[in-house]
Amino acid sequence: MSTLSQSTQTESDLLIQGMLDKMLAFQSLLLEEQDAIRSLSFGQFTSVTMRKAQLLDEIRDLEQQRRDRSAAEQSERSTAGRTTLEAKLIVAIGETDRLNRFNAALIGQSLEFLHGALKRWQRSPESAALYSSSGTAVASGAGLVRAKG
């Protein structure tokens, strides 16, 4: 094998390893996202979503570099077999997809729960207790603190 082929293969392997590392980091964010969804932590959910978007951009950049490199390699090496690294990446992509689909279902369930709770709360005015300035529930019309806005 020529030095050029070895160098090209090494560059591709580095790109694939970078994608694998980022895919595993993305999986960690998906697990963190699950915690945010389950605890209805909107701040944490927003933070994870922003980090996921940034990481996804980085993965796309690496994939584009890999595609560009792959096109250059077509004439230099056989594509008969996949490397172990490529196989690991394929498994990681599958697991990431599974986690992402699970989170989508979890979000759907959370939205259904919140929608149902909101409908029950809106239908039953007595369920929305009114509070005094000390934070204790008060009877209707007695010493109410009304929020502005």
N, C-alpha and C. Protein backbone atom coordinates (compact mmCIF):
# COMPACT_ATOMS: atom_id res chain seq x y z
N MET A 1 0.86 -1.18 0.00
CA MET A 1 0.00 0.00 0.00
C MET A 1 0.89 1.23 0.00
N SER A 2 0.55 2.21 -0.78
CA SER A 2 1.37 3.41 -0.87
C SER A 2 1.19 4.28 0.37
N THR A 3 2.14 5.18 0.55
CA THR A 3 2.07 6.12 1.68
C THR A 3 0.84 6.99 1.56
N LEU A 4 0.48 7.37 0.34
CA LEU A 4 -0.70 8.20 0.13
C LEU A 4 -1.96 7.46 0.58
N SER A 5 -2.08 6.18 0.25
CA SER A 5 -3.25 5.40 0.65
C SER A 5 -3.33 5.25 2.15
N GLN A 6 -2.18 4.98 2.78
CA GLN A 6 -2.16 4.85 4.23
C GLN A 6 -2.56 6.16 4.89
N SER A 7 -2.05 7.27 4.35
CA SER A 7 -2.37 8.58 4.90
C SER A 7 -3.85 8.88 4.75
N THR A 8 -4.42 8.58 3.57
CA THR A 8 -5.83 8.82 3.31
C THR A 8 -6.69 7.96 4.24
N GLN A 9 -6.32 6.71 4.41
CA GLN A 9 -7.06 5.82 5.28
C GLN A 9 -7.03 6.35 6.72
N THR A 10 -5.92 6.83 7.16
CA THR A 10 -5.79 7.38 8.50
C THR A 10 -6.66 8.61 8.66
N GLU A 11 -6.71 9.46 7.68
CA GLU A 11 -7.56 10.65 7.74
C GLU A 11 -9.04 10.25 7.83
N SER A 12 -9.43 9.28 7.05
CA SER A 12 -10.81 8.80 7.09
C SER A 12 -11.13 8.19 8.45
N ASP A 13 -10.20 7.39 8.96
CA ASP A 13 -10.40 6.78 10.26
C ASP A 13 -10.55 7.85 11.35
N LEU A 14 -9.76 8.90 11.25
CA LEU A 14 -9.86 9.99 12.23
C LEU A 14 -11.22 10.68 12.13
N LEU A 15 -11.70 10.87 10.92
CA LEU A 15 -13.02 11.48 10.75
C LEU A 15 -14.12 10.57 11.32
N ILE A 16 -14.02 9.29 11.04
CA ILE A 16 -15.01 8.34 11.55
C ILE A 16 -14.95 8.28 13.07
N GLN A 17 -13.73 8.27 13.62
CA GLN A 17 -13.58 8.26 15.09
C GLN A 17 -14.18 9.53 15.69
N GLY A 18 -13.96 10.66 15.04
CA GLY A 18 -14.54 11.92 15.51
C GLY A 18 -16.06 11.87 15.49
N MET A 19 -16.61 11.30 14.43
CA MET A 19 -18.07 11.16 14.35
C MET A 19 -18.58 10.23 15.43
N LEU A 20 -17.87 9.14 15.67
CA LEU A 20 -18.27 8.18 16.71
C LEU A 20 -18.26 8.86 18.08
N ASP A 21 -17.20 9.60 18.37
CA ASP A 21 -17.11 10.31 19.65
C ASP A 21 -18.26 11.29 19.83
N LYS A 22 -18.56 12.03 18.77
CA LYS A 22 -19.65 13.01 18.85
C LYS A 22 -21.01 12.32 18.94
N MET A 23 -21.15 11.18 18.30
CA MET A 23 -22.41 10.43 18.37
C MET A 23 -22.63 9.93 19.80
N LEU A 24 -21.57 9.47 20.45
CA LEU A 24 -21.68 9.02 21.83
C LEU A 24 -22.00 10.19 22.76
N ALA A 25 -21.42 11.35 22.48
CA ALA A 25 -21.73 12.55 23.26
C ALA A 25 -23.20 12.94 23.05
N PHE A 26 -23.68 12.78 21.83
CA PHE A 26 -25.08 13.08 21.52
C PHE A 26 -26.01 12.15 22.30
N GLN A 27 -25.62 10.88 22.42
CA GLN A 27 -26.40 9.94 23.20
C GLN A 27 -26.49 10.38 24.66
N SER A 28 -25.38 10.88 25.20
CA SER A 28 -25.39 11.39 26.58
C SER A 28 -26.36 12.56 26.72
N LEU A 29 -26.39 13.42 25.72
CA LEU A 29 -27.34 14.54 25.75
C LEU A 29 -28.78 14.04 25.67
N LEU A 30 -29.01 12.99 24.91
CA LEU A 30 -30.36 12.43 24.82
C LEU A 30 -30.80 11.86 26.17
N LEU A 31 -29.88 11.25 26.90
CA LEU A 31 -30.20 10.74 28.23
C LEU A 31 -30.48 11.89 29.20
N GLU A 32 -29.70 12.96 29.08
CA GLU A 32 -29.95 14.16 29.89
C GLU A 32 -31.30 14.78 29.53
N GLU A 33 -31.63 14.74 28.26
CA GLU A 33 -32.91 15.25 27.80
C GLU A 33 -34.05 14.45 28.42
N GLN A 34 -33.88 13.13 28.52
CA GLN A 34 -34.91 12.30 29.15
C GLN A 34 -35.17 12.75 30.58
N ASP A 35 -34.10 13.03 31.32
CA ASP A 35 -34.25 13.51 32.70
C ASP A 35 -35.01 14.83 32.73
N ALA A 36 -34.69 15.73 31.80
CA ALA A 36 -35.36 17.03 31.76
C ALA A 36 -36.84 16.86 31.43
N ILE A 37 -37.16 15.96 30.53
CA ILE A 37 -38.56 15.73 30.15
C ILE A 37 -39.32 15.15 31.33
N ARG A 38 -38.73 14.15 31.96
CA ARG A 38 -39.41 13.49 33.08
C ARG A 38 -39.66 14.43 34.25
N SER A 39 -38.72 15.33 34.49
CA SER A 39 -38.87 16.25 35.61
C SER A 39 -39.54 17.56 35.21
N LEU A 40 -39.92 17.65 33.94
CA LEU A 40 -40.53 18.88 33.38
C LEU A 40 -39.66 20.11 33.66
N SER A 41 -38.35 19.92 33.53
CA SER A 41 -37.40 21.01 33.73
C SER A 41 -37.17 21.71 32.39
N PHE A 42 -37.94 22.75 32.15
CA PHE A 42 -37.88 23.43 30.86
C PHE A 42 -36.54 24.12 30.64
N GLY A 43 -35.92 24.63 31.70
CA GLY A 43 -34.61 25.25 31.56
C GLY A 43 -33.56 24.25 31.12
N GLN A 44 -33.55 23.08 31.77
CA GLN A 44 -32.61 22.02 31.41
C GLN A 44 -32.90 21.52 29.99
N PHE A 45 -34.17 21.37 29.66
CA PHE A 45 -34.55 20.91 28.32
C PHE A 45 -34.04 21.88 27.26
N THR A 46 -34.21 23.17 27.50
CA THR A 46 -33.75 24.19 26.55
C THR A 46 -32.23 24.14 26.39
N SER A 47 -31.53 23.99 27.50
CA SER A 47 -30.07 23.91 27.46
C SER A 47 -29.60 22.70 26.66
N VAL A 48 -30.23 21.55 26.91
CA VAL A 48 -29.86 20.32 26.19
C VAL A 48 -30.16 20.49 24.70
N THR A 49 -31.29 21.08 24.38
CA THR A 49 -31.68 21.26 22.98
C THR A 49 -30.64 22.12 22.24
N MET A 50 -30.18 23.17 22.89
CA MET A 50 -29.17 24.04 22.26
C MET A 50 -27.86 23.28 22.07
N ARG A 51 -27.44 22.50 23.06
CA ARG A 51 -26.21 21.72 22.93
C ARG A 51 -26.34 20.63 21.87
N LYS A 52 -27.54 20.02 21.78
CA LYS A 52 -27.77 19.02 20.74
C LYS A 52 -27.65 19.64 19.36
N ALA A 53 -28.21 20.82 19.17
CA ALA A 53 -28.15 21.49 17.86
C ALA A 53 -26.70 21.77 17.47
N GLN A 54 -25.90 22.24 18.43
CA GLN A 54 -24.49 22.52 18.16
C GLN A 54 -23.74 21.24 17.80
N LEU A 55 -23.97 20.19 18.57
CA LEU A 55 -23.30 18.92 18.32
C LEU A 55 -23.73 18.33 16.99
N LEU A 56 -24.99 18.47 16.65
CA LEU A 56 -25.49 17.98 15.37
C LEU A 56 -24.81 18.70 14.20
N ASP A 57 -24.59 20.00 14.34
CA ASP A 57 -23.86 20.74 13.31
C ASP A 57 -22.44 20.21 13.16
N GLU A 58 -21.80 19.90 14.28
CA GLU A 58 -20.44 19.36 14.24
C GLU A 58 -20.42 17.99 13.57
N ILE A 59 -21.41 17.16 13.87
CA ILE A 59 -21.50 15.83 13.25
C ILE A 59 -21.71 15.97 11.75
N ARG A 60 -22.58 16.90 11.35
CA ARG A 60 -22.81 17.13 9.91
C ARG A 60 -21.54 17.58 9.21
N ASP A 61 -20.76 18.45 9.86
CA ASP A 61 -19.50 18.90 9.26
C ASP A 61 -18.54 17.73 9.07
N LEU A 62 -18.43 16.88 10.08
CA LEU A 62 -17.55 15.71 9.96
C LEU A 62 -18.04 14.77 8.87
N GLU A 63 -19.35 14.60 8.79
CA GLU A 63 -19.91 13.72 7.75
C GLU A 63 -19.60 14.28 6.36
N GLN A 64 -19.70 15.59 6.20
CA GLN A 64 -19.38 16.18 4.89
C GLN A 64 -17.91 15.99 4.56
N GLN A 65 -17.05 16.17 5.55
CA GLN A 65 -15.62 15.93 5.33
C GLN A 65 -15.37 14.47 4.98
N ARG A 66 -16.07 13.56 5.64
CA ARG A 66 -15.91 12.14 5.37
C ARG A 66 -16.37 11.82 3.95
N ARG A 67 -17.49 12.41 3.54
CA ARG A 67 -17.98 12.18 2.17
C ARG A 67 -17.00 12.70 1.14
N ASP A 68 -16.46 13.90 1.40
CA ASP A 68 -15.47 14.46 0.48
C ASP A 68 -14.24 13.55 0.39
N ARG A 69 -13.79 13.07 1.54
CA ARG A 69 -12.63 12.18 1.59
C ARG A 69 -12.96 10.85 0.91
N SER A 70 -14.15 10.35 1.13
CA SER A 70 -14.57 9.07 0.55
C SER A 70 -14.58 9.14 -0.96
N ALA A 71 -15.03 10.26 -1.50
CA ALA A 71 -15.05 10.43 -2.96
C ALA A 71 -13.62 10.39 -3.50
N ALA A 72 -12.69 10.99 -2.79
CA ALA A 72 -11.30 10.99 -3.23
C ALA A 72 -10.69 9.60 -3.10
N GLU A 73 -11.17 8.82 -2.13
CA GLU A 73 -10.61 7.49 -1.88
C GLU A 73 -11.16 6.42 -2.82
N GLN A 74 -12.25 6.67 -3.49
CA GLN A 74 -12.89 5.64 -4.31
C GLN A 74 -11.90 4.95 -5.23
N SER A 75 -11.01 5.71 -5.82
CA SER A 75 -10.05 5.11 -6.75
C SER A 75 -8.84 4.52 -6.02
N GLU A 76 -8.66 4.85 -4.75
CA GLU A 76 -7.45 4.43 -4.04
C GLU A 76 -7.62 3.13 -3.26
N ARG A 77 -8.84 2.80 -2.83
CA ARG A 77 -8.98 1.59 -2.03
C ARG A 77 -10.30 0.91 -2.33
N SER A 78 -10.36 -0.33 -2.03
CA SER A 78 -11.57 -1.12 -2.24
C SER A 78 -12.57 -0.82 -1.13
N THR A 79 -13.82 -0.77 -1.48
CA THR A 79 -14.87 -0.56 -0.48
C THR A 79 -15.56 -1.88 -0.15
N ALA A 80 -14.86 -3.00 -0.36
CA ALA A 80 -15.44 -4.32 -0.16
C ALA A 80 -15.90 -4.56 1.28
N GLY A 81 -15.13 -4.12 2.23
CA GLY A 81 -15.48 -4.38 3.62
C GLY A 81 -15.47 -3.11 4.45
N ARG A 82 -16.24 -3.16 5.50
CA ARG A 82 -16.25 -2.01 6.42
C ARG A 82 -15.24 -2.27 7.53
N THR A 83 -14.66 -1.20 8.00
CA THR A 83 -13.73 -1.34 9.12
C THR A 83 -14.51 -1.50 10.41
N THR A 84 -13.84 -1.95 11.42
CA THR A 84 -14.45 -2.08 12.74
C THR A 84 -14.96 -0.73 13.22
N LEU A 85 -14.21 0.30 12.93
CA LEU A 85 -14.61 1.65 13.34
C LEU A 85 -15.92 2.07 12.66
N GLU A 86 -16.04 1.78 11.37
CA GLU A 86 -17.28 2.09 10.67
C GLU A 86 -18.45 1.30 11.24
N ALA A 87 -18.21 0.03 11.60
CA ALA A 87 -19.26 -0.80 12.18
C ALA A 87 -19.70 -0.23 13.53
N LYS A 88 -18.74 0.23 14.33
CA LYS A 88 -19.09 0.84 15.62
C LYS A 88 -19.92 2.11 15.41
N LEU A 89 -19.56 2.89 14.40
CA LEU A 89 -20.32 4.11 14.11
C LEU A 89 -21.75 3.77 13.70
N ILE A 90 -21.91 2.75 12.90
CA ILE A 90 -23.25 2.34 12.47
C ILE A 90 -24.10 1.92 13.67
N VAL A 91 -23.50 1.17 14.59
CA VAL A 91 -24.22 0.77 15.81
C VAL A 91 -24.59 2.00 16.64
N ALA A 92 -23.65 2.93 16.77
CA ALA A 92 -23.91 4.15 17.55
C ALA A 92 -25.02 4.99 16.92
N ILE A 93 -25.05 5.06 15.60
CA ILE A 93 -26.11 5.80 14.92
C ILE A 93 -27.46 5.15 15.19
N GLY A 94 -27.51 3.83 15.14
CA GLY A 94 -28.75 3.11 15.43
C GLY A 94 -29.24 3.37 16.85
N GLU A 95 -28.32 3.33 17.82
CA GLU A 95 -28.69 3.57 19.22
C GLU A 95 -29.14 5.02 19.42
N THR A 96 -28.47 5.95 18.76
CA THR A 96 -28.85 7.36 18.85
C THR A 96 -30.25 7.56 18.29
N ASP A 97 -30.54 6.93 17.18
CA ASP A 97 -31.87 7.02 16.59
C ASP A 97 -32.92 6.46 17.54
N ARG A 98 -32.62 5.31 18.16
CA ARG A 98 -33.56 4.70 19.11
C ARG A 98 -33.82 5.63 20.29
N LEU A 99 -32.77 6.21 20.85
CA LEU A 99 -32.93 7.13 21.98
C LEU A 99 -33.73 8.37 21.56
N ASN A 100 -33.45 8.88 20.38
CA ASN A 100 -34.15 10.07 19.90
C ASN A 100 -35.64 9.79 19.72
N ARG A 101 -35.97 8.63 19.16
CA ARG A 101 -37.38 8.27 18.99
C ARG A 101 -38.07 8.07 20.34
N PHE A 102 -37.35 7.49 21.30
CA PHE A 102 -37.90 7.31 22.64
C PHE A 102 -38.20 8.68 23.27
N ASN A 103 -37.26 9.61 23.12
CA ASN A 103 -37.46 10.95 23.67
C ASN A 103 -38.64 11.65 23.01
N ALA A 104 -38.81 11.45 21.73
CA ALA A 104 -39.96 12.05 21.03
C ALA A 104 -41.26 11.51 21.61
N ALA A 105 -41.31 10.20 21.86
CA ALA A 105 -42.51 9.61 22.47
C ALA A 105 -42.71 10.14 23.89
N LEU A 106 -41.63 10.30 24.62
CA LEU A 106 -41.70 10.82 25.98
C LEU A 106 -42.21 12.26 26.00
N ILE A 107 -41.76 13.05 25.05
CA ILE A 107 -42.24 14.42 24.92
C ILE A 107 -43.73 14.42 24.61
N GLY A 108 -44.16 13.55 23.70
CA GLY A 108 -45.58 13.44 23.38
C GLY A 108 -46.41 13.09 24.59
N GLN A 109 -45.94 12.13 25.39
CA GLN A 109 -46.67 11.75 26.61
C GLN A 109 -46.71 12.90 27.61
N SER A 110 -45.61 13.61 27.74
CA SER A 110 -45.57 14.75 28.67
C SER A 110 -46.53 15.85 28.23
N LEU A 111 -46.58 16.10 26.93
CA LEU A 111 -47.50 17.12 26.43
C LEU A 111 -48.95 16.71 26.65
N GLU A 112 -49.25 15.43 26.44
CA GLU A 112 -50.61 14.94 26.72
C GLU A 112 -50.96 15.12 28.19
N PHE A 113 -50.03 14.78 29.07
CA PHE A 113 -50.25 14.94 30.50
C PHE A 113 -50.50 16.40 30.85
N LEU A 114 -49.64 17.29 30.35
CA LEU A 114 -49.79 18.71 30.65
C LEU A 114 -51.10 19.27 30.08
N HIS A 115 -51.44 18.85 28.88
CA HIS A 115 -52.69 19.30 28.26
C HIS A 115 -53.89 18.85 29.09
N GLY A 116 -53.87 17.59 29.53
CA GLY A 116 -54.96 17.07 30.36
C GLY A 116 -55.06 17.80 31.68
N ALA A 117 -53.92 18.04 32.30
CA ALA A 117 -53.91 18.75 33.59
C ALA A 117 -54.43 20.17 33.41
N LEU A 118 -54.04 20.81 32.34
CA LEU A 118 -54.49 22.18 32.07
C LEU A 118 -56.00 22.21 31.83
N LYS A 119 -56.51 21.26 31.08
CA LYS A 119 -57.95 21.21 30.82
C LYS A 119 -58.73 21.01 32.12
N ARG A 120 -58.25 20.11 32.99
CA ARG A 120 -58.94 19.90 34.27
C ARG A 120 -58.89 21.15 35.12
N TRP A 121 -57.77 21.82 35.12
CA TRP A 121 -57.61 23.03 35.92
C TRP A 121 -58.51 24.15 35.39
N GLN A 122 -58.62 24.27 34.10
CA GLN A 122 -59.45 25.32 33.50
C GLN A 122 -60.93 25.05 33.69
N ARG A 123 -61.35 23.80 33.72
CA ARG A 123 -62.75 23.45 33.91
C ARG A 123 -63.22 23.65 35.35
N SER A 124 -62.33 23.57 36.29
CA SER A 124 -62.71 23.59 37.69
C SER A 124 -62.07 24.77 38.41
N PRO A 125 -62.78 25.91 38.47
CA PRO A 125 -62.19 27.09 39.10
C PRO A 125 -61.87 26.86 40.58
N GLU A 126 -62.62 25.99 41.23
CA GLU A 126 -62.31 25.76 42.64
C GLU A 126 -61.00 25.00 42.83
N SER A 127 -60.52 24.37 41.76
CA SER A 127 -59.25 23.66 41.88
C SER A 127 -58.07 24.62 41.89
N ALA A 128 -58.31 25.83 41.43
CA ALA A 128 -57.25 26.83 41.43
C ALA A 128 -57.42 27.66 42.69
N ALA A 129 -56.80 27.20 43.76
CA ALA A 129 -56.95 27.89 45.04
C ALA A 129 -56.39 29.30 44.96
N LEU A 130 -57.03 30.21 45.64
CA LEU A 130 -56.55 31.57 45.73
C LEU A 130 -55.77 31.71 47.03
N TYR A 131 -54.76 32.53 47.03
CA TYR A 131 -53.85 32.61 48.16
C TYR A 131 -53.77 34.03 48.72
N SER A 132 -53.54 34.09 50.01
CA SER A 132 -53.33 35.38 50.67
C SER A 132 -51.87 35.77 50.47
N SER A 133 -51.52 36.97 50.93
CA SER A 133 -50.13 37.43 50.79
C SER A 133 -49.18 36.57 51.60
N SER A 134 -49.68 35.83 52.59
CA SER A 134 -48.82 34.93 53.37
C SER A 134 -48.68 33.56 52.72
N GLY A 135 -49.42 33.31 51.63
CA GLY A 135 -49.29 32.06 50.91
C GLY A 135 -50.28 31.00 51.33
N THR A 136 -51.22 31.32 52.20
CA THR A 136 -52.21 30.34 52.61
C THR A 136 -53.46 30.48 51.76
N ALA A 137 -54.14 29.35 51.54
CA ALA A 137 -55.36 29.36 50.74
C ALA A 137 -56.45 30.12 51.50
N VAL A 138 -57.23 30.90 50.75
CA VAL A 138 -58.31 31.68 51.37
C VAL A 138 -59.62 31.38 50.66
N ALA A 139 -60.70 31.62 51.38
CA ALA A 139 -62.03 31.44 50.79
C ALA A 139 -62.26 32.50 49.73
N SER A 140 -63.13 32.22 48.80
CA SER A 140 -63.43 33.16 47.71
C SER A 140 -63.83 34.52 48.25
N GLY A 141 -63.20 35.55 47.72
CA GLY A 141 -63.57 36.93 48.04
C GLY A 141 -62.98 37.48 49.32
N ALA A 142 -62.26 36.72 50.12
CA ALA A 142 -61.75 37.21 51.39
C ALA A 142 -60.26 37.52 51.27
N GLY A 143 -59.88 38.78 51.29
CA GLY A 143 -58.48 39.20 51.33
C GLY A 143 -57.63 38.67 50.20
N LEU A 144 -58.12 38.75 48.98
CA LEU A 144 -57.41 38.19 47.84
C LEU A 144 -56.25 39.07 47.40
N VAL A 145 -55.23 38.43 46.94
CA VAL A 145 -54.11 39.11 46.30
C VAL A 145 -54.22 38.78 44.83
N ARG A 146 -54.40 39.78 44.02
CA ARG A 146 -54.55 39.56 42.60
C ARG A 146 -53.24 39.89 41.88
N ALA A 147 -52.87 38.98 41.01
CA ALA A 147 -51.66 39.19 40.22
C ALA A 147 -51.96 40.11 39.07
N LYS A 148 -51.03 40.99 38.77
CA LYS A 148 -51.20 41.88 37.62
C LYS A 148 -50.58 41.21 36.40
N GLY A 149 -51.18 41.49 35.25
CA GLY A 149 -50.57 40.97 34.04
C GLY A 149 -51.39 40.01 33.38
